[in-house]
């Protein structure tokens, strides 16, 4: 598998990340505002989201290390740093894993997923030099 293929996979996985993040944000907002009980599906969605981000950061780091730069080094480093912060934000949802207060759990995890999604958008926009996806 060449770097071009790996770069394509890295770019396409971002859409899975975005779709799953939007699903989580909507579902968790309903759970929070509707004061629903946190369900096993909620944890599964959150786990899938962090795993997808982890896979994509790994793919991105491989591309970062082995592919010839198509943008300035500063932009590449900024992209890597921003994406690492997005992954950290997503993993911080684990702080409420054992919480029994469902509305608080939904709210806090929703905010962290939203933060990670905003960081992903910012990282992509900065790397591409604008709103081209």
Protein backbone atom coordinates (compact mmCIF):
# COMPACT_ATOMS: atom_id res chain seq x y z
CA UNK A 1 0.00 0.00 0.00
CA UNK A 2 1.43 3.34 -1.03
CA UNK A 3 1.41 6.63 0.84
CA UNK A 4 -1.23 7.99 -1.54
CA UNK A 5 -3.59 5.17 -0.62
CA UNK A 6 -2.86 5.65 3.07
CA UNK A 7 -3.50 9.39 2.70
CA UNK A 8 -6.82 8.66 0.96
CA UNK A 9 -7.89 6.30 3.75
CA UNK A 10 -6.84 8.90 6.34
CA UNK A 11 -8.93 11.52 4.54
CA UNK A 12 -11.99 9.29 4.22
CA UNK A 13 -11.94 8.12 7.84
CA UNK A 14 -12.42 11.75 8.87
CA UNK A 15 -15.93 11.58 7.42
CA UNK A 16 -16.73 8.57 9.60
CA UNK A 17 -15.42 10.57 12.56
CA UNK A 18 -17.63 13.54 11.65
CA UNK A 19 -20.74 11.42 11.09
CA UNK A 20 -20.30 9.54 14.36
CA UNK A 21 -19.60 12.76 16.27
CA UNK A 22 -22.79 14.35 14.94
CA UNK A 23 -24.80 11.24 15.89
CA UNK A 24 -23.31 11.32 19.40
CA UNK A 25 -23.94 15.05 19.82
CA UNK A 26 -27.59 14.67 18.82
CA UNK A 27 -28.16 11.52 20.89
CA UNK A 28 -26.40 12.92 23.95
CA UNK A 29 -28.28 16.24 23.69
CA UNK A 30 -31.55 14.31 23.68
CA UNK A 31 -30.34 12.23 26.62
CA UNK A 32 -29.18 15.27 28.56
CA UNK A 33 -32.16 17.54 27.92
CA UNK A 34 -34.64 14.68 28.23
CA UNK A 35 -32.99 13.50 31.45
CA UNK A 36 -32.76 9.96 30.10
CA UNK A 37 -30.72 7.14 31.55
CA UNK A 38 -27.32 6.54 30.04
CA UNK A 39 -27.54 3.36 27.94
CA UNK A 40 -24.97 0.76 26.84
CA UNK A 41 -25.38 2.04 23.26
CA UNK A 42 -24.16 5.45 24.42
CA UNK A 43 -20.92 3.99 25.73
CA UNK A 44 -20.54 1.92 22.54
CA UNK A 45 -20.95 5.02 20.35
CA UNK A 46 -18.41 6.93 22.43
CA UNK A 47 -15.95 4.03 22.32
CA UNK A 48 -16.34 3.73 18.53
CA UNK A 49 -15.71 7.47 18.20
CA UNK A 50 -12.49 7.41 20.20
CA UNK A 51 -11.29 4.29 18.38
CA UNK A 52 -11.92 5.93 14.99
CA UNK A 53 -10.03 9.03 16.11
CA UNK A 54 -7.18 6.84 17.40
CA UNK A 55 -6.98 4.95 14.11
CA UNK A 56 -7.04 8.18 12.12
CA UNK A 57 -4.37 9.85 14.24
CA UNK A 58 -2.18 6.77 13.76
CA UNK A 59 -2.72 6.88 9.99
CA UNK A 60 -2.05 10.62 10.01
CA UNK A 61 1.18 10.20 11.96
CA UNK A 62 2.39 7.56 9.49
CA UNK A 63 1.60 9.92 6.61
CA UNK A 64 3.26 12.79 8.50
CA UNK A 65 6.47 10.81 8.98
CA UNK A 66 6.78 9.16 5.58
CA UNK A 67 5.09 11.39 2.99
CA UNK A 68 6.72 14.30 1.27
CA UNK A 69 5.16 17.54 2.46
CA UNK A 70 2.61 19.21 0.20
CA UNK A 71 2.16 22.10 2.65
CA UNK A 72 4.54 24.09 4.80
CA UNK A 73 6.15 22.34 7.78
CA UNK A 74 4.46 24.79 10.15
CA UNK A 75 1.02 23.88 8.77
CA UNK A 76 1.78 20.15 9.09
CA UNK A 77 2.88 20.56 12.72
CA UNK A 78 -0.15 22.69 13.50
CA UNK A 79 -2.41 20.00 11.98
CA UNK A 80 -0.77 17.25 14.04
CA UNK A 81 -0.97 19.30 17.23
CA UNK A 82 -4.61 20.21 16.70
CA UNK A 83 -5.56 16.61 15.94
CA UNK A 84 -3.72 15.37 19.03
CA UNK A 85 -5.75 17.85 21.11
CA UNK A 86 -8.93 16.52 19.46
CA UNK A 87 -7.99 12.97 20.46
CA UNK A 88 -7.21 14.09 24.02
CA UNK A 89 -10.61 15.81 24.27
CA UNK A 90 -12.35 12.66 23.04
CA UNK A 91 -10.50 10.49 25.55
CA UNK A 92 -11.37 12.87 28.38
CA UNK A 93 -14.95 11.60 28.12
CA UNK A 94 -13.72 8.60 30.12
CA UNK A 95 -13.60 10.79 33.24
CA UNK A 96 -17.38 10.32 33.52
CA UNK A 97 -17.44 6.61 32.63
CA UNK A 98 -18.45 5.55 36.14
CA UNK A 99 -20.76 8.47 36.89
CA UNK A 100 -24.31 7.51 37.83
CA UNK A 101 -25.72 10.98 37.12
CA UNK A 102 -26.90 10.44 33.54
CA UNK A 103 -27.77 14.07 32.65
CA UNK A 104 -24.37 15.31 33.85
CA UNK A 105 -22.62 12.44 32.08
CA UNK A 106 -24.46 13.18 28.83
CA UNK A 107 -23.72 16.92 29.09
CA UNK A 108 -20.03 16.59 29.88
CA UNK A 109 -19.38 13.92 27.27
CA UNK A 110 -21.39 15.86 24.69
CA UNK A 111 -19.29 18.98 25.31
CA UNK A 112 -16.04 17.05 24.95
CA UNK A 113 -17.16 15.33 21.74
CA UNK A 114 -18.24 18.72 20.38
CA UNK A 115 -14.86 20.19 21.37
CA UNK A 116 -13.00 17.36 19.68
CA UNK A 117 -15.12 17.78 16.53
CA UNK A 118 -14.43 21.53 16.47
CA UNK A 119 -10.71 20.81 16.79
CA UNK A 120 -10.93 18.33 13.90
CA UNK A 121 -12.67 20.94 11.74
CA UNK A 122 -10.14 23.60 12.71
CA UNK A 123 -7.22 21.27 12.00
CA UNK A 124 -8.55 20.37 8.56
CA UNK A 125 -9.45 23.93 7.64
CA UNK A 126 -6.02 25.24 8.65
CA UNK A 127 -4.22 22.47 6.76
CA UNK A 128 -6.23 23.04 3.61
CA UNK A 129 -6.04 26.82 3.86
CA UNK A 130 -9.79 27.38 3.97
CA UNK A 131 -13.17 25.68 3.87
CA UNK A 132 -12.36 23.16 1.12
CA UNK A 133 -13.07 19.59 2.11
